[in-house]
Amino acid sequence: MPEVTLTAIDSFLTDDGEDALEPFCTACGGRAGIFTSRRGEWLHYIGEADDSDVEPYDPGHAPVIGWRPAPGIVFVAR
């Protein structure tokens, strides 16, 4: 059986040092982020963070934060 190395979830980085995980709401699966313009609170948002084209929205509940692989990131067990 091949050896698999496990790494703590908060230390996943891409080869160029970028975060490989993104925050999301575990209650609804929506994207979530901290908005400094809105008192630094976690909020749901729509849009693309890479394009700085995001807009907070209220789905009727506060975000319950979890972390998942960012789109386009592939994890390979070693």
PDB file of N, CA and C in Angstrom:
ATOM      1  N   MET A   1       0.848  -1.174   0.000  1.00  0.00           N
ATOM      2  CA  MET A   1       0.000   0.000   0.000  1.00  0.00           C
ATOM      3  C   MET A   1       0.896   1.242   0.000  1.00  0.00           C
ATOM      4  N   PRO A   2       0.576   2.270  -0.824  1.00  0.00           N
ATOM      5  CA  PRO A   2       1.407   3.475  -0.865  1.00  0.00           C
ATOM      6  C   PRO A   2       1.277   4.260   0.432  1.00  0.00           C
ATOM      7  N   GLU A   3       2.355   4.943   0.791  1.00  0.00           N
ATOM      8  CA  GLU A   3       2.351   5.781   1.980  1.00  0.00           C
ATOM      9  C   GLU A   3       1.661   7.104   1.663  1.00  0.00           C
ATOM     10  N   VAL A   4       0.793   7.547   2.557  1.00  0.00           N
ATOM     11  CA  VAL A   4       0.088   8.814   2.384  1.00  0.00           C
ATOM     12  C   VAL A   4       0.496   9.736   3.516  1.00  0.00           C
ATOM     13  N   THR A   5       0.898  10.943   3.163  1.00  0.00           N
ATOM     14  CA  THR A   5       1.273  11.941   4.159  1.00  0.00           C
ATOM     15  C   THR A   5       0.111  12.892   4.343  1.00  0.00           C
ATOM     16  N   LEU A   6      -0.348  13.057   5.577  1.00  0.00           N
ATOM     17  CA  LEU A   6      -1.434  13.980   5.867  1.00  0.00           C
ATOM     18  C   LEU A   6      -0.852  15.280   6.394  1.00  0.00           C
ATOM     19  N   THR A   7      -1.463  16.379   6.004  1.00  0.00           N
ATOM     20  CA  THR A   7      -1.004  17.700   6.409  1.00  0.00           C
ATOM     21  C   THR A   7      -2.164  18.421   7.078  1.00  0.00           C
ATOM     22  N   ALA A   8      -1.877  19.218   8.099  1.00  0.00           N
ATOM     23  CA  ALA A   8      -2.932  19.989   8.758  1.00  0.00           C
ATOM     24  C   ALA A   8      -3.637  20.865   7.741  1.00  0.00           C
ATOM     25  N   ILE A   9      -4.940  20.974   7.853  1.00  0.00           N
ATOM     26  CA  ILE A   9      -5.738  21.673   6.847  1.00  0.00           C
ATOM     27  C   ILE A   9      -5.348  23.138   6.703  1.00  0.00           C
ATOM     28  N   ASP A  10      -4.873  23.788   7.766  1.00  0.00           N
ATOM     29  CA  ASP A  10      -4.555  25.212   7.660  1.00  0.00           C
ATOM     30  C   ASP A  10      -3.189  25.471   7.035  1.00  0.00           C
ATOM     31  N   SER A  11      -2.478  24.429   6.615  1.00  0.00           N
ATOM     32  CA  SER A  11      -1.168  24.650   6.019  1.00  0.00           C
ATOM     33  C   SER A  11      -1.142  24.316   4.531  1.00  0.00           C
ATOM     34  N   PHE A  12      -2.303  24.154   3.895  1.00  0.00           N
ATOM     35  CA  PHE A  12      -2.336  23.874   2.466  1.00  0.00           C
ATOM     36  C   PHE A  12      -2.021  25.134   1.673  1.00  0.00           C
ATOM     37  N   LEU A  13      -0.951  25.074   0.902  1.00  0.00           N
ATOM     38  CA  LEU A  13      -0.563  26.172   0.028  1.00  0.00           C
ATOM     39  C   LEU A  13      -0.263  25.608  -1.347  1.00  0.00           C
ATOM     40  N   THR A  14      -0.463  26.415  -2.365  1.00  0.00           N
ATOM     41  CA  THR A  14      -0.081  26.014  -3.708  1.00  0.00           C
ATOM     42  C   THR A  14       1.425  26.150  -3.844  1.00  0.00           C
ATOM     43  N   ASP A  15       1.984  25.702  -4.962  1.00  0.00           N
ATOM     44  CA  ASP A  15       3.428  25.795  -5.180  1.00  0.00           C
ATOM     45  C   ASP A  15       3.935  27.230  -5.147  1.00  0.00           C
ATOM     46  N   ASP A  16       3.067  28.197  -5.495  1.00  0.00           N
ATOM     47  CA  ASP A  16       3.502  29.596  -5.487  1.00  0.00           C
ATOM     48  C   ASP A  16       3.137  30.316  -4.184  1.00  0.00           C
ATOM     49  N   GLY A  17       2.745  29.561  -3.148  1.00  0.00           N
ATOM     50  CA  GLY A  17       2.500  30.138  -1.839  1.00  0.00           C
ATOM     51  C   GLY A  17       1.104  30.680  -1.611  1.00  0.00           C
ATOM     52  N   GLU A  18       0.207  30.526  -2.581  1.00  0.00           N
ATOM     53  CA  GLU A  18      -1.159  30.999  -2.429  1.00  0.00           C
ATOM     54  C   GLU A  18      -1.969  30.021  -1.575  1.00  0.00           C
ATOM     55  N   ASP A  19      -2.982  30.549  -0.877  1.00  0.00           N
ATOM     56  CA  ASP A  19      -3.871  29.683  -0.108  1.00  0.00           C
ATOM     57  C   ASP A  19      -4.578  28.714  -1.036  1.00  0.00           C
ATOM     58  N   ALA A  20      -4.673  27.458  -0.617  1.00  0.00           N
ATOM     59  CA  ALA A  20      -5.354  26.448  -1.411  1.00  0.00           C
ATOM     60  C   ALA A  20      -6.755  26.184  -0.884  1.00  0.00           C
ATOM     61  N   LEU A  21      -7.131  26.855   0.204  1.00  0.00           N
ATOM     62  CA  LEU A  21      -8.454  26.677   0.784  1.00  0.00           C
ATOM     63  C   LEU A  21      -9.196  28.003   0.792  1.00  0.00           C
ATOM     64  N   GLU A  22     -10.522  27.930   0.708  1.00  0.00           N
ATOM     65  CA  GLU A  22     -11.342  29.129   0.782  1.00  0.00           C
ATOM     66  C   GLU A  22     -12.429  28.928   1.831  1.00  0.00           C
ATOM     67  N   PRO A  23     -12.846  30.026   2.493  1.00  0.00           N
ATOM     68  CA  PRO A  23     -13.926  29.903   3.459  1.00  0.00           C
ATOM     69  C   PRO A  23     -15.265  29.773   2.744  1.00  0.00           C
ATOM     70  N   PHE A  24     -16.205  29.060   3.386  1.00  0.00           N
ATOM     71  CA  PHE A  24     -17.557  28.951   2.857  1.00  0.00           C
ATOM     72  C   PHE A  24     -18.510  28.724   4.022  1.00  0.00           C
ATOM     73  N   CYS A  25     -19.798  28.848   3.763  1.00  0.00           N
ATOM     74  CA  CYS A  25     -20.805  28.625   4.787  1.00  0.00           C
ATOM     75  C   CYS A  25     -21.200  27.154   4.773  1.00  0.00           C
ATOM     76  N   THR A  26     -20.978  26.468   5.894  1.00  0.00           N
ATOM     77  CA  THR A  26     -21.316  25.048   5.965  1.00  0.00           C
ATOM     78  C   THR A  26     -22.824  24.818   6.062  1.00  0.00           C
ATOM     79  N   ALA A  27     -23.574  25.863   6.395  1.00  0.00           N
ATOM     80  CA  ALA A  27     -25.029  25.727   6.492  1.00  0.00           C
ATOM     81  C   ALA A  27     -25.694  25.672   5.119  1.00  0.00           C
ATOM     82  N   CYS A  28     -25.178  26.461   4.155  1.00  0.00           N
ATOM     83  CA  CYS A  28     -25.829  26.530   2.847  1.00  0.00           C
ATOM     84  C   CYS A  28     -24.894  26.252   1.673  1.00  0.00           C
ATOM     85  N   GLY A  29     -23.584  26.203   1.930  1.00  0.00           N
ATOM     86  CA  GLY A  29     -22.616  25.970   0.856  1.00  0.00           C
ATOM     87  C   GLY A  29     -22.200  27.222   0.116  1.00  0.00           C
ATOM     88  N   GLY A  30     -22.743  28.381   0.508  1.00  0.00           N
ATOM     89  CA  GLY A  30     -22.414  29.633  -0.164  1.00  0.00           C
ATOM     90  C   GLY A  30     -21.032  30.141   0.182  1.00  0.00           C
ATOM     91  N   ARG A  31     -20.525  31.029  -0.656  1.00  0.00           N
ATOM     92  CA  ARG A  31     -19.231  31.650  -0.388  1.00  0.00           C
ATOM     93  C   ARG A  31     -19.360  32.612   0.778  1.00  0.00           C
ATOM     94  N   ALA A  32     -18.280  32.756   1.531  1.00  0.00           N
ATOM     95  CA  ALA A  32     -18.277  33.674   2.666  1.00  0.00           C
ATOM     96  C   ALA A  32     -16.916  34.337   2.765  1.00  0.00           C
ATOM     97  N   GLY A  33     -16.908  35.541   3.283  1.00  0.00           N
ATOM     98  CA  GLY A  33     -15.659  36.263   3.444  1.00  0.00           C
ATOM     99  C   GLY A  33     -15.807  37.352   4.482  1.00  0.00           C
ATOM    100  N   ILE A  34     -14.680  37.912   4.885  1.00  0.00           N
ATOM    101  CA  ILE A  34     -14.667  39.019   5.835  1.00  0.00           C
ATOM    102  C   ILE A  34     -14.658  40.313   5.036  1.00  0.00           C
ATOM    103  N   PHE A  35     -15.579  41.205   5.373  1.00  0.00           N
ATOM    104  CA  PHE A  35     -15.688  42.482   4.687  1.00  0.00           C
ATOM    105  C   PHE A  35     -15.297  43.601   5.652  1.00  0.00           C
ATOM    106  N   THR A  36     -14.102  44.179   5.422  1.00  0.00           N
ATOM    107  CA  THR A  36     -13.632  45.247   6.301  1.00  0.00           C
ATOM    108  C   THR A  36     -14.534  46.475   6.203  1.00  0.00           C
ATOM    109  N   SER A  37     -15.180  46.662   5.076  1.00  0.00           N
ATOM    110  CA  SER A  37     -16.082  47.806   4.916  1.00  0.00           C
ATOM    111  C   SER A  37     -17.391  47.617   5.669  1.00  0.00           C
ATOM    112  N   ARG A  38     -17.603  46.410   6.186  1.00  0.00           N
ATOM    113  CA  ARG A  38     -18.827  46.102   6.940  1.00  0.00           C
ATOM    114  C   ARG A  38     -18.467  45.613   8.342  1.00  0.00           C
ATOM    115  N   ARG A  39     -17.650  46.382   9.043  1.00  0.00           N
ATOM    116  CA  ARG A  39     -17.236  46.102  10.428  1.00  0.00           C
ATOM    117  C   ARG A  39     -16.432  44.818  10.579  1.00  0.00           C
ATOM    118  N   GLY A  40     -15.816  44.324   9.517  1.00  0.00           N
ATOM    119  CA  GLY A  40     -14.972  43.140   9.601  1.00  0.00           C
ATOM    120  C   GLY A  40     -15.717  41.860   9.902  1.00  0.00           C
ATOM    121  N   GLU A  41     -16.996  41.811   9.575  1.00  0.00           N
ATOM    122  CA  GLU A  41     -17.813  40.629   9.843  1.00  0.00           C
ATOM    123  C   GLU A  41     -17.731  39.622   8.701  1.00  0.00           C
ATOM    124  N   TRP A  42     -17.930  38.343   9.044  1.00  0.00           N
ATOM    125  CA  TRP A  42     -18.082  37.306   8.023  1.00  0.00           C
ATOM    126  C   TRP A  42     -19.452  37.489   7.389  1.00  0.00           C
ATOM    127  N   LEU A  43     -19.491  37.531   6.060  1.00  0.00           N
ATOM    128  CA  LEU A  43     -20.747  37.681   5.324  1.00  0.00           C
ATOM    129  C   LEU A  43     -20.762  36.734   4.129  1.00  0.00           C
ATOM    130  N   HIS A  44     -21.957  36.362   3.685  1.00  0.00           N
ATOM    131  CA  HIS A  44     -22.113  35.636   2.434  1.00  0.00           C
ATOM    132  C   HIS A  44     -21.876  36.624   1.289  1.00  0.00           C
ATOM    133  N   TYR A  45     -21.379  36.132   0.168  1.00  0.00           N
ATOM    134  CA  TYR A  45     -21.216  37.018  -0.979  1.00  0.00           C
ATOM    135  C   TYR A  45     -21.401  36.250  -2.284  1.00  0.00           C
ATOM    136  N   ILE A  46     -21.676  37.020  -3.324  1.00  0.00           N
ATOM    137  CA  ILE A  46     -21.718  36.490  -4.686  1.00  0.00           C
ATOM    138  C   ILE A  46     -20.670  37.227  -5.484  1.00  0.00           C
ATOM    139  N   GLY A  47     -20.248  36.638  -6.577  1.00  0.00           N
ATOM    140  CA  GLY A  47     -19.236  37.256  -7.420  1.00  0.00           C
ATOM    141  C   GLY A  47     -17.913  36.531  -7.310  1.00  0.00           C
ATOM    142  N   GLU A  48     -16.910  37.073  -7.959  1.00  0.00           N
ATOM    143  CA  GLU A  48     -15.578  36.479  -8.010  1.00  0.00           C
ATOM    144  C   GLU A  48     -14.585  37.322  -7.236  1.00  0.00           C
ATOM    145  N   ALA A  49     -14.066  36.767  -6.150  1.00  0.00           N
ATOM    146  CA  ALA A  49     -13.111  37.506  -5.318  1.00  0.00           C
ATOM    147  C   ALA A  49     -11.854  37.858  -6.093  1.00  0.00           C
ATOM    148  N   ASP A  50     -11.413  36.996  -7.011  1.00  0.00           N
ATOM    149  CA  ASP A  50     -10.207  37.271  -7.796  1.00  0.00           C
ATOM    150  C   ASP A  50     -10.369  38.511  -8.660  1.00  0.00           C
ATOM    151  N   ASP A  51     -11.596  38.819  -9.045  1.00  0.00           N
ATOM    152  CA  ASP A  51     -11.864  39.986  -9.878  1.00  0.00           C
ATOM    153  C   ASP A  51     -12.259  41.206  -9.052  1.00  0.00           C
ATOM    154  N   SER A  52     -12.286  41.058  -7.723  1.00  0.00           N
ATOM    155  CA  SER A  52     -12.757  42.112  -6.813  1.00  0.00           C
ATOM    156  C   SER A  52     -14.164  42.560  -7.180  1.00  0.00           C
ATOM    157  N   ASP A  53     -14.952  41.623  -7.718  1.00  0.00           N
ATOM    158  CA  ASP A  53     -16.324  41.909  -8.132  1.00  0.00           C
ATOM    159  C   ASP A  53     -17.261  41.086  -7.254  1.00  0.00           C
ATOM    160  N   VAL A  54     -17.342  41.461  -5.970  1.00  0.00           N
ATOM    161  CA  VAL A  54     -18.165  40.721  -5.020  1.00  0.00           C
ATOM    162  C   VAL A  54     -19.216  41.634  -4.407  1.00  0.00           C
ATOM    163  N   GLU A  55     -20.301  41.019  -3.995  1.00  0.00           N
ATOM    164  CA  GLU A  55     -21.370  41.766  -3.353  1.00  0.00           C
ATOM    165  C   GLU A  55     -21.948  40.923  -2.222  1.00  0.00           C
ATOM    166  N   PRO A  56     -21.928  41.459  -0.985  1.00  0.00           N
ATOM    167  CA  PRO A  56     -22.521  40.716   0.127  1.00  0.00           C
ATOM    168  C   PRO A  56     -24.029  40.565  -0.073  1.00  0.00           C
ATOM    169  N   TYR A  57     -24.584  39.494   0.462  1.00  0.00           N
ATOM    170  CA  TYR A  57     -26.038  39.310   0.456  1.00  0.00           C
ATOM    171  C   TYR A  57     -26.461  38.596   1.734  1.00  0.00           C
ATOM    172  N   ASP A  58     -27.730  38.686   2.056  1.00  0.00           N
ATOM    173  CA  ASP A  58     -28.263  38.085   3.282  1.00  0.00           C
ATOM    174  C   ASP A  58     -29.168  36.911   2.919  1.00  0.00           C
ATOM    175  N   PRO A  59     -28.717  35.669   3.168  1.00  0.00           N
ATOM    176  CA  PRO A  59     -29.543  34.505   2.867  1.00  0.00           C
ATOM    177  C   PRO A  59     -30.513  34.165   4.006  1.00  0.00           C
ATOM    178  N   GLY A  60     -30.509  34.981   5.073  1.00  0.00           N
ATOM    179  CA  GLY A  60     -31.409  34.738   6.190  1.00  0.00           C
ATOM    180  C   GLY A  60     -30.764  34.032   7.371  1.00  0.00           C
ATOM    181  N   HIS A  61     -29.456  33.813   7.306  1.00  0.00           N
ATOM    182  CA  HIS A  61     -28.735  33.220   8.431  1.00  0.00           C
ATOM    183  C   HIS A  61     -27.291  33.715   8.408  1.00  0.00           C
ATOM    184  N   ALA A  62     -26.671  33.689   9.582  1.00  0.00           N
ATOM    185  CA  ALA A  62     -25.252  34.068   9.675  1.00  0.00           C
ATOM    186  C   ALA A  62     -24.406  32.941   9.097  1.00  0.00           C
ATOM    187  N   PRO A  63     -23.272  33.262   8.462  1.00  0.00           N
ATOM    188  CA  PRO A  63     -22.414  32.210   7.934  1.00  0.00           C
ATOM    189  C   PRO A  63     -21.839  31.333   9.046  1.00  0.00           C
ATOM    190  N   VAL A  64     -21.812  30.043   8.785  1.00  0.00           N
ATOM    191  CA  VAL A  64     -21.152  29.074   9.663  1.00  0.00           C
ATOM    192  C   VAL A  64     -19.905  28.659   8.895  1.00  0.00           C
ATOM    193  N   ILE A  65     -18.743  29.145   9.298  1.00  0.00           N
ATOM    194  CA  ILE A  65     -17.533  29.054   8.481  1.00  0.00           C
ATOM    195  C   ILE A  65     -16.870  27.681   8.538  1.00  0.00           C
ATOM    196  N   GLY A  66     -16.550  27.200   7.347  1.00  0.00           N
ATOM    197  CA  GLY A  66     -15.748  26.002   7.150  1.00  0.00           C
ATOM    198  C   GLY A  66     -14.752  26.318   6.048  1.00  0.00           C
ATOM    199  N   TRP A  67     -13.883  25.383   5.743  1.00  0.00           N
ATOM    200  CA  TRP A  67     -12.856  25.605   4.713  1.00  0.00           C
ATOM    201  C   TRP A  67     -12.904  24.464   3.711  1.00  0.00           C
ATOM    202  N   ARG A  68     -12.771  24.807   2.434  1.00  0.00           N
ATOM    203  CA  ARG A  68     -12.780  23.814   1.370  1.00  0.00           C
ATOM    204  C   ARG A  68     -11.717  24.187   0.334  1.00  0.00           C
ATOM    205  N   PRO A  69     -11.332  23.216  -0.498  1.00  0.00           N
ATOM    206  CA  PRO A  69     -10.362  23.534  -1.556  1.00  0.00           C
ATOM    207  C   PRO A  69     -10.896  24.645  -2.457  1.00  0.00           C
ATOM    208  N   ALA A  70     -10.040  25.587  -2.767  1.00  0.00           N
ATOM    209  CA  ALA A  70     -10.408  26.666  -3.675  1.00  0.00           C
ATOM    210  C   ALA A  70     -10.594  26.095  -5.079  1.00  0.00           C
ATOM    211  N   PRO A  71     -11.483  26.692  -5.885  1.00  0.00           N
ATOM    212  CA  PRO A  71     -11.676  26.194  -7.251  1.00  0.00           C
ATOM    213  C   PRO A  71     -10.363  26.147  -8.027  1.00  0.00           C
ATOM    214  N   GLY A  72     -10.157  25.074  -8.759  1.00  0.00           N
ATOM    215  CA  GLY A  72      -8.962  24.924  -9.570  1.00  0.00           C
ATOM    216  C   GLY A  72      -7.781  24.330  -8.835  1.00  0.00           C
ATOM    217  N   ILE A  73      -7.909  24.052  -7.544  1.00  0.00           N
ATOM    218  CA  ILE A  73      -6.827  23.477  -6.766  1.00  0.00           C
ATOM    219  C   ILE A  73      -6.996  21.955  -6.751  1.00  0.00           C
ATOM    220  N   VAL A  74      -5.944  21.251  -7.055  1.00  0.00           N
ATOM    221  CA  VAL A  74      -5.966  19.790  -7.045  1.00  0.00           C
ATOM    222  C   VAL A  74      -5.013  19.317  -5.972  1.00  0.00           C
ATOM    223  N   PHE A  75      -5.514  18.439  -5.101  1.00  0.00           N
ATOM    224  CA  PHE A  75      -4.675  17.864  -4.054  1.00  0.00           C
ATOM    225  C   PHE A  75      -4.213  16.496  -4.486  1.00  0.00           C
ATOM    226  N   VAL A  76      -2.956  16.217  -4.261  1.00  0.00           N
ATOM    227  CA  VAL A  76      -2.369  14.931  -4.624  1.00  0.00           C
ATOM    228  C   VAL A  76      -1.785  14.306  -3.371  1.00  0.00           C
ATOM    229  N   ALA A  77      -2.234  13.099  -3.033  1.00  0.00           N
ATOM    230  CA  ALA A  77      -1.681  12.402  -1.874  1.00  0.00           C
ATOM    231  C   ALA A  77      -0.260  11.963  -2.208  1.00  0.00           C
ATOM    232  N   ARG A  78       0.630  12.100  -1.249  1.00  0.00           N
ATOM    233  CA  ARG A  78       2.026  11.698  -1.466  1.00  0.00           C
ATOM    234  C   ARG A  78       2.376  10.585  -0.535  1.00  0.00           C
TER     235      ARG A  78
END
